[in-house]
């Protein structure tokens, strides 16, 4: 469960980071 949550968190951070950089 922790691994899945950690992977999801990293995906969200990565997506937000890319979106922020695209602006």
N, C-alpha and C. Protein backbone atom coordinates (compact mmCIF):
# COMPACT_ATOMS: atom_id res chain seq x y z
N UNK A 1 0.86 -1.21 0.00
CA UNK A 1 0.00 0.00 0.00
C UNK A 1 0.89 1.25 0.00
N UNK A 2 1.93 1.25 0.81
CA UNK A 2 2.81 2.42 0.88
C UNK A 2 3.51 2.65 -0.46
N UNK A 3 3.93 1.55 -1.10
CA UNK A 3 4.61 1.67 -2.39
C UNK A 3 3.69 2.27 -3.44
N UNK A 4 2.43 1.84 -3.42
CA UNK A 4 1.46 2.35 -4.40
C UNK A 4 1.20 3.83 -4.16
N UNK A 5 1.05 4.21 -2.89
CA UNK A 5 0.80 5.61 -2.54
C UNK A 5 2.01 6.46 -2.93
N UNK A 6 3.21 5.92 -2.70
CA UNK A 6 4.43 6.66 -3.03
C UNK A 6 4.53 6.85 -4.53
N UNK A 7 4.20 5.80 -5.31
CA UNK A 7 4.25 5.90 -6.76
C UNK A 7 3.23 6.91 -7.27
N UNK A 8 2.03 6.91 -6.68
CA UNK A 8 0.99 7.85 -7.09
C UNK A 8 1.43 9.27 -6.78
N UNK A 9 2.04 9.47 -5.62
CA UNK A 9 2.49 10.79 -5.21
C UNK A 9 3.56 11.30 -6.18
N UNK A 10 4.48 10.42 -6.56
CA UNK A 10 5.54 10.82 -7.49
C UNK A 10 4.94 11.17 -8.85
N UNK A 11 3.91 10.43 -9.27
CA UNK A 11 3.27 10.71 -10.56
C UNK A 11 2.60 12.07 -10.52
N UNK A 12 1.93 12.39 -9.41
CA UNK A 12 1.24 13.68 -9.28
C UNK A 12 2.26 14.81 -9.29
N UNK A 13 3.33 14.65 -8.54
CA UNK A 13 4.37 15.69 -8.49
C UNK A 13 4.99 15.88 -9.87
N UNK A 14 5.23 14.78 -10.58
CA UNK A 14 5.83 14.85 -11.90
C UNK A 14 4.89 15.57 -12.87
N UNK A 15 3.60 15.25 -12.79
CA UNK A 15 2.61 15.88 -13.67
C UNK A 15 2.50 17.37 -13.39
N UNK A 16 2.46 17.74 -12.11
CA UNK A 16 2.36 19.16 -11.75
C UNK A 16 3.63 19.89 -12.18
N UNK A 17 4.78 19.24 -12.02
CA UNK A 17 6.05 19.86 -12.39
C UNK A 17 6.09 20.16 -13.88
N UNK A 18 5.65 19.19 -14.70
CA UNK A 18 5.64 19.38 -16.15
C UNK A 18 4.63 20.46 -16.54
N UNK A 19 3.47 20.44 -15.92
CA UNK A 19 2.44 21.43 -16.23
C UNK A 19 2.93 22.83 -15.88
N UNK A 20 3.59 22.95 -14.73
CA UNK A 20 4.10 24.25 -14.29
C UNK A 20 5.18 24.76 -15.25
N UNK A 21 6.01 23.83 -15.74
CA UNK A 21 7.08 24.22 -16.64
C UNK A 21 6.55 24.60 -18.01
N UNK A 22 5.40 24.01 -18.39
CA UNK A 22 4.82 24.32 -19.70
C UNK A 22 4.23 25.72 -19.74
N UNK A 23 3.90 26.26 -18.57
CA UNK A 23 3.28 27.59 -18.53
C UNK A 23 4.35 28.65 -18.81
